[in-house]
Amino acid sequence: MPGPEPQNVQPSLDDVDRALLEGLRADGRATNASLAALAGIAESTCASRLRALRRAGVVTGSSVDLDAAALGHPLRAVVKVRLGTHDRAHVAAIYDHLVAVPGVLSVLHLAGEDDFLVHVAVPSAERLRDLVLEHVTSHPSVRQVETHLVFEERRGVGVPLRPEAAPARRSGTRAPREPQASAGRPRSASSR
């Protein structure tokens, strides 16, 4: 019998931890010495802080981004997958199957109308068709598939590392009010 679901416990990060994480996010190959200088701490302290961040699961690894187009896979698509059955075994089986398909960059398991989004990179439209037909629609759990070509991708800034402050409200100030229409008289277009 599986244990209880893990709790989403947020580690307590101080300004030094945040500086180290910002440095790593800017350059995943940054040296311990450069991160220590950035955070204004000793290299030994930096190394122990980074170990603690890894143990806490804040830093989960390091990776290299590869350019799929430079490797002969310029065509990218997102394949939406809907399942016909949603029991745990079928969901796990299709998930395991999809992440193992050559050309699959990532697989997102979703709530909502679609069950999975599969991001793929392939050499040509023909290879995209083959990937979808041979590895997705042929799976017995799949009910419907829809493929969308990706024109461009831009990465977001990521999760904020600093606590978000509530907008400050100056004392004695009010939000501007819209003019009220007089009773029985509609507002004119110029007063809106």
C-alpha atoms as a PDB file:
ATOM      1  CA  MET A   1       0.000   0.000   0.000  1.00  0.00           C
ATOM      2  CA  PRO A   2       1.504   3.380  -1.016  1.00  0.00           C
ATOM      3  CA  GLY A   3       2.332   5.895   1.687  1.00  0.00           C
ATOM      4  CA  PRO A   4       0.722   9.294   2.132  1.00  0.00           C
ATOM      5  CA  GLU A   5       1.087  11.934  -0.547  1.00  0.00           C
ATOM      6  CA  PRO A   6       4.189  14.112  -0.018  1.00  0.00           C
ATOM      7  CA  GLN A   7       3.494  17.506   1.505  1.00  0.00           C
ATOM      8  CA  ASN A   8       4.426  20.542  -0.559  1.00  0.00           C
ATOM      9  CA  VAL A   9       6.728  22.077   2.043  1.00  0.00           C
ATOM     10  CA  GLN A  10       8.419  25.281   0.957  1.00  0.00           C
ATOM     11  CA  PRO A  11      11.971  25.590   2.242  1.00  0.00           C
ATOM     12  CA  SER A  12      12.925  28.787   4.003  1.00  0.00           C
ATOM     13  CA  LEU A  13      15.227  30.725   1.662  1.00  0.00           C
ATOM     14  CA  ASP A  14      17.275  33.703   2.763  1.00  0.00           C
ATOM     15  CA  ASP A  15      18.923  36.368   0.607  1.00  0.00           C
ATOM     16  CA  VAL A  16      22.112  34.299   0.237  1.00  0.00           C
ATOM     17  CA  ASP A  17      20.153  31.268  -1.023  1.00  0.00           C
ATOM     18  CA  ARG A  18      18.247  33.485  -3.454  1.00  0.00           C
ATOM     19  CA  ALA A  19      21.469  35.048  -4.751  1.00  0.00           C
ATOM     20  CA  LEU A  20      22.929  31.582  -5.346  1.00  0.00           C
ATOM     21  CA  LEU A  21      19.775  30.424  -7.146  1.00  0.00           C
ATOM     22  CA  GLU A  22      19.678  33.574  -9.285  1.00  0.00           C
ATOM     23  CA  GLY A  23      23.332  32.987 -10.203  1.00  0.00           C
ATOM     24  CA  LEU A  24      22.637  29.369 -11.147  1.00  0.00           C
ATOM     25  CA  ARG A  25      19.548  30.313 -13.136  1.00  0.00           C
ATOM     26  CA  ALA A  26      21.595  32.880 -15.094  1.00  0.00           C
ATOM     27  CA  ASP A  27      24.452  30.425 -15.691  1.00  0.00           C
ATOM     28  CA  GLY A  28      23.948  26.774 -14.820  1.00  0.00           C
ATOM     29  CA  ARG A  29      27.680  26.199 -15.260  1.00  0.00           C
ATOM     30  CA  ALA A  30      28.746  28.943 -12.854  1.00  0.00           C
ATOM     31  CA  THR A  31      31.683  27.949 -10.666  1.00  0.00           C
ATOM     32  CA  ASN A  32      31.490  27.745  -6.905  1.00  0.00           C
ATOM     33  CA  ALA A  33      33.969  30.658  -6.746  1.00  0.00           C
ATOM     34  CA  SER A  34      31.836  32.907  -8.969  1.00  0.00           C
ATOM     35  CA  LEU A  35      28.654  32.039  -7.062  1.00  0.00           C
ATOM     36  CA  ALA A  36      30.390  32.732  -3.728  1.00  0.00           C
ATOM     37  CA  ALA A  37      31.563  36.131  -5.011  1.00  0.00           C
ATOM     38  CA  LEU A  38      28.076  36.922  -6.295  1.00  0.00           C
ATOM     39  CA  ALA A  39      26.505  36.087  -2.925  1.00  0.00           C
ATOM     40  CA  GLY A  40      29.298  37.726  -0.932  1.00  0.00           C
ATOM     41  CA  ILE A  41      30.166  34.562   1.007  1.00  0.00           C
ATOM     42  CA  ALA A  42      33.176  32.261   1.391  1.00  0.00           C
ATOM     43  CA  GLU A  43      33.558  29.453  -1.149  1.00  0.00           C
ATOM     44  CA  SER A  44      33.221  26.808   1.583  1.00  0.00           C
ATOM     45  CA  THR A  45      29.973  28.408   2.751  1.00  0.00           C
ATOM     46  CA  CYS A  46      28.752  28.522  -0.841  1.00  0.00           C
ATOM     47  CA  ALA A  47      29.482  24.819  -1.346  1.00  0.00           C
ATOM     48  CA  SER A  48      27.625  23.861   1.840  1.00  0.00           C
ATOM     49  CA  ARG A  49      24.677  26.119   0.928  1.00  0.00           C
ATOM     50  CA  LEU A  50      24.444  24.515  -2.522  1.00  0.00           C
ATOM     51  CA  ARG A  51      24.541  21.018  -0.955  1.00  0.00           C
ATOM     52  CA  ALA A  52      21.726  22.044   1.394  1.00  0.00           C
ATOM     53  CA  LEU A  53      19.658  23.401  -1.520  1.00  0.00           C
ATOM     54  CA  ARG A  54      20.127  20.092  -3.353  1.00  0.00           C
ATOM     55  CA  ARG A  55      19.194  18.049  -0.252  1.00  0.00           C
ATOM     56  CA  ALA A  56      16.063  20.184   0.183  1.00  0.00           C
ATOM     57  CA  GLY A  57      15.079  19.475  -3.436  1.00  0.00           C
ATOM     58  CA  VAL A  58      15.299  23.127  -4.483  1.00  0.00           C
ATOM     59  CA  VAL A  59      18.127  22.391  -6.941  1.00  0.00           C
ATOM     60  CA  THR A  60      17.235  19.126  -8.643  1.00  0.00           C
ATOM     61  CA  GLY A  61      20.042  18.733 -11.148  1.00  0.00           C
ATOM     62  CA  SER A  62      21.770  20.401 -14.026  1.00  0.00           C
ATOM     63  CA  SER A  63      21.287  19.920 -17.716  1.00  0.00           C
ATOM     64  CA  VAL A  64      22.375  21.127 -21.123  1.00  0.00           C
ATOM     65  CA  ASP A  65      19.886  22.520 -23.628  1.00  0.00           C
ATOM     66  CA  LEU A  66      20.369  21.050 -27.088  1.00  0.00           C
ATOM     67  CA  ASP A  67      19.183  22.780 -30.259  1.00  0.00           C
ATOM     68  CA  ALA A  68      16.920  20.211 -31.919  1.00  0.00           C
ATOM     69  CA  ALA A  69      17.082  22.026 -35.278  1.00  0.00           C
ATOM     70  CA  ALA A  70      20.901  21.962 -35.243  1.00  0.00           C
ATOM     71  CA  LEU A  71      20.650  18.205 -34.655  1.00  0.00           C
ATOM     72  CA  GLY A  72      18.435  17.699 -37.723  1.00  0.00           C
ATOM     73  CA  HIS A  73      15.011  17.961 -36.023  1.00  0.00           C
ATOM     74  CA  PRO A  74      13.740  21.434 -37.026  1.00  0.00           C
ATOM     75  CA  LEU A  75      10.010  20.672 -36.971  1.00  0.00           C
ATOM     76  CA  ARG A  76       8.413  20.913 -33.543  1.00  0.00           C
ATOM     77  CA  ALA A  77       4.837  20.184 -32.579  1.00  0.00           C
ATOM     78  CA  VAL A  78       2.583  19.779 -29.579  1.00  0.00           C
ATOM     79  CA  VAL A  79       0.356  16.720 -29.674  1.00  0.00           C
ATOM     80  CA  LYS A  80      -2.795  16.840 -27.544  1.00  0.00           C
ATOM     81  CA  VAL A  81      -3.841  13.383 -26.361  1.00  0.00           C
ATOM     82  CA  ARG A  82      -7.217  12.356 -24.915  1.00  0.00           C
ATOM     83  CA  LEU A  83      -7.622   8.971 -23.338  1.00  0.00           C
ATOM     84  CA  GLY A  84     -10.612   6.664 -23.568  1.00  0.00           C
ATOM     85  CA  THR A  85     -10.004   5.248 -20.111  1.00  0.00           C
ATOM     86  CA  HIS A  86      -8.582   6.914 -17.037  1.00  0.00           C
ATOM     87  CA  ASP A  87      -7.735   4.150 -14.626  1.00  0.00           C
ATOM     88  CA  ARG A  88      -4.348   4.545 -12.966  1.00  0.00           C
ATOM     89  CA  ALA A  89      -2.719   1.611 -14.793  1.00  0.00           C
ATOM     90  CA  HIS A  90      -3.687   2.906 -18.267  1.00  0.00           C
ATOM     91  CA  VAL A  91      -2.579   6.462 -17.474  1.00  0.00           C
ATOM     92  CA  ALA A  92       0.776   5.231 -16.143  1.00  0.00           C
ATOM     93  CA  ALA A  93       1.274   2.947 -19.149  1.00  0.00           C
ATOM     94  CA  ILE A  94       0.686   5.661 -21.753  1.00  0.00           C
ATOM     95  CA  TYR A  95       2.797   8.146 -19.783  1.00  0.00           C
ATOM     96  CA  ASP A  96       5.722   5.699 -19.629  1.00  0.00           C
ATOM     97  CA  HIS A  97       5.246   4.903 -23.312  1.00  0.00           C
ATOM     98  CA  LEU A  98       5.181   8.538 -24.456  1.00  0.00           C
ATOM     99  CA  VAL A  99       8.322   9.670 -22.594  1.00  0.00           C
ATOM    100  CA  ALA A 100      10.268   6.781 -24.156  1.00  0.00           C
ATOM    101  CA  VAL A 101       9.447   7.693 -27.790  1.00  0.00           C
ATOM    102  CA  PRO A 102      12.470   9.094 -29.693  1.00  0.00           C
ATOM    103  CA  GLY A 103      11.799  12.737 -30.601  1.00  0.00           C
ATOM    104  CA  VAL A 104       9.639  13.449 -27.548  1.00  0.00           C
ATOM    105  CA  LEU A 105      11.017  16.479 -25.675  1.00  0.00           C
ATOM    106  CA  SER A 106       8.518  16.567 -22.816  1.00  0.00           C
ATOM    107  CA  VAL A 107       5.169  15.183 -21.748  1.00  0.00           C
ATOM    108  CA  LEU A 108       2.716  17.061 -19.535  1.00  0.00           C
ATOM    109  CA  HIS A 109      -0.065  15.134 -17.766  1.00  0.00           C
ATOM    110  CA  LEU A 110      -3.073  17.436 -17.459  1.00  0.00           C
ATOM    111  CA  ALA A 111      -6.418  17.912 -15.780  1.00  0.00           C
ATOM    112  CA  GLY A 112      -9.201  19.025 -18.084  1.00  0.00           C
ATOM    113  CA  GLU A 113     -10.432  18.012 -21.507  1.00  0.00           C
ATOM    114  CA  ASP A 114      -7.034  16.811 -22.747  1.00  0.00           C
ATOM    115  CA  ASP A 115      -4.991  14.309 -20.766  1.00  0.00           C
ATOM    116  CA  PHE A 116      -1.486  14.875 -22.154  1.00  0.00           C
ATOM    117  CA  LEU A 117       0.469  17.458 -24.119  1.00  0.00           C
ATOM    118  CA  VAL A 118       3.427  15.908 -25.903  1.00  0.00           C
ATOM    119  CA  HIS A 119       6.137  18.286 -27.177  1.00  0.00           C
ATOM    120  CA  VAL A 120       8.087  16.689 -30.036  1.00  0.00           C
ATOM    121  CA  ALA A 121      10.915  17.580 -32.430  1.00  0.00           C
ATOM    122  CA  VAL A 122      11.236  15.709 -35.734  1.00  0.00           C
ATOM    123  CA  PRO A 123      13.132  16.049 -39.024  1.00  0.00           C
ATOM    124  CA  SER A 124      10.062  16.414 -41.286  1.00  0.00           C
ATOM    125  CA  ALA A 125       6.276  16.448 -41.578  1.00  0.00           C
ATOM    126  CA  GLU A 126       6.403  12.809 -42.652  1.00  0.00           C
ATOM    127  CA  ARG A 127       8.304  11.836 -39.500  1.00  0.00           C
ATOM    128  CA  LEU A 128       5.784  13.785 -37.408  1.00  0.00           C
ATOM    129  CA  ARG A 129       2.962  11.826 -39.038  1.00  0.00           C
ATOM    130  CA  ASP A 130       4.808   8.556 -38.414  1.00  0.00           C
ATOM    131  CA  LEU A 131       5.508   9.405 -34.778  1.00  0.00           C
ATOM    132  CA  VAL A 132       1.855  10.249 -34.121  1.00  0.00           C
ATOM    133  CA  LEU A 133       0.476   7.214 -35.976  1.00  0.00           C
ATOM    134  CA  GLU A 134       2.991   4.647 -34.720  1.00  0.00           C
ATOM    135  CA  HIS A 135       3.429   5.785 -31.132  1.00  0.00           C
ATOM    136  CA  VAL A 136       0.357   7.770 -30.107  1.00  0.00           C
ATOM    137  CA  THR A 137      -2.858   6.920 -31.966  1.00  0.00           C
ATOM    138  CA  SER A 138      -1.974   3.217 -32.051  1.00  0.00           C
ATOM    139  CA  HIS A 139      -1.887   2.999 -28.245  1.00  0.00           C
ATOM    140  CA  PRO A 140      -5.023   1.208 -26.970  1.00  0.00           C
ATOM    141  CA  SER A 141      -5.789   3.851 -24.290  1.00  0.00           C
ATOM    142  CA  VAL A 142      -5.831   6.775 -26.756  1.00  0.00           C
ATOM    143  CA  ARG A 143      -9.237   8.044 -27.892  1.00  0.00           C
ATOM    144  CA  GLN A 144      -8.326  11.271 -29.736  1.00  0.00           C
ATOM    145  CA  VAL A 145      -5.209  13.092 -30.918  1.00  0.00           C
ATOM    146  CA  GLU A 146      -4.743  16.635 -32.208  1.00  0.00           C
ATOM    147  CA  THR A 147      -1.419  17.951 -33.500  1.00  0.00           C
ATOM    148  CA  HIS A 148      -0.305  21.599 -33.503  1.00  0.00           C
ATOM    149  CA  LEU A 149       2.865  22.888 -35.160  1.00  0.00           C
ATOM    150  CA  VAL A 150       5.115  25.113 -33.058  1.00  0.00           C
ATOM    151  CA  PHE A 151       6.248  28.271 -34.859  1.00  0.00           C
ATOM    152  CA  GLU A 152       8.325  29.724 -32.037  1.00  0.00           C
ATOM    153  CA  GLU A 153       9.040  29.196 -28.355  1.00  0.00           C
ATOM    154  CA  ARG A 154      10.093  31.722 -25.766  1.00  0.00           C
ATOM    155  CA  ARG A 155      10.973  30.750 -22.246  1.00  0.00           C
ATOM    156  CA  GLY A 156       9.475  32.555 -19.299  1.00  0.00           C
ATOM    157  CA  VAL A 157      11.502  34.054 -16.491  1.00  0.00           C
ATOM    158  CA  GLY A 158      10.689  31.143 -14.184  1.00  0.00           C
ATOM    159  CA  VAL A 159       9.325  31.137 -10.669  1.00  0.00           C
ATOM    160  CA  PRO A 160      10.058  34.208  -8.541  1.00  0.00           C
ATOM    161  CA  LEU A 161      12.879  33.701  -6.055  1.00  0.00           C
ATOM    162  CA  ARG A 162      11.992  36.684  -3.907  1.00  0.00           C
ATOM    163  CA  PRO A 163       8.731  36.950  -1.981  1.00  0.00           C
ATOM    164  CA  GLU A 164       6.211  38.985  -3.892  1.00  0.00           C
ATOM    165  CA  ALA A 165       5.217  42.056  -1.921  1.00  0.00           C
ATOM    166  CA  ALA A 166       1.648  43.319  -1.964  1.00  0.00           C
ATOM    167  CA  PRO A 167       1.356  46.616  -3.826  1.00  0.00           C
ATOM    168  CA  ALA A 168       1.954  49.479  -1.413  1.00  0.00           C
ATOM    169  CA  ARG A 169      -0.945  51.853  -0.933  1.00  0.00           C
ATOM    170  CA  ARG A 170      -0.123  55.386   0.015  1.00  0.00           C
ATOM    171  CA  SER A 171      -2.093  56.630   2.958  1.00  0.00           C
ATOM    172  CA  GLY A 172      -4.780  59.139   2.153  1.00  0.00           C
ATOM    173  CA  THR A 173      -5.075  58.127  -1.514  1.00  0.00           C
ATOM    174  CA  ARG A 174      -8.087  56.601  -3.188  1.00  0.00           C
ATOM    175  CA  ALA A 175      -8.536  54.791  -6.421  1.00  0.00           C
ATOM    176  CA  PRO A 176      -9.941  57.089  -9.134  1.00  0.00           C
ATOM    177  CA  ARG A 177     -13.717  56.828  -9.521  1.00  0.00           C
ATOM    178  CA  GLU A 178     -15.613  56.730 -12.737  1.00  0.00           C
ATOM    179  CA  PRO A 179     -18.105  59.537 -13.230  1.00  0.00           C
ATOM    180  CA  GLN A 180     -21.648  58.561 -12.222  1.00  0.00           C
ATOM    181  CA  ALA A 181     -24.549  59.020 -14.613  1.00  0.00           C
ATOM    182  CA  SER A 182     -27.312  61.284 -13.350  1.00  0.00           C
ATOM    183  CA  ALA A 183     -30.541  59.540 -12.444  1.00  0.00           C
ATOM    184  CA  GLY A 184     -32.684  59.087 -15.519  1.00  0.00           C
ATOM    185  CA  ARG A 185     -29.977  60.424 -17.858  1.00  0.00           C
ATOM    186  CA  PRO A 186     -27.456  58.121 -19.603  1.00  0.00           C
ATOM    187  CA  ARG A 187     -23.834  59.184 -19.697  1.00  0.00           C
ATOM    188  CA  SER A 188     -22.600  60.625 -22.930  1.00  0.00           C
ATOM    189  CA  ALA A 189     -19.746  58.937 -24.794  1.00  0.00           C
ATOM    190  CA  SER A 190     -17.407  61.782 -23.836  1.00  0.00           C
ATOM    191  CA  SER A 191     -18.016  61.268 -20.115  1.00  0.00           C
ATOM    192  CA  ARG A 192     -17.149  57.564 -20.177  1.00  0.00           C
END
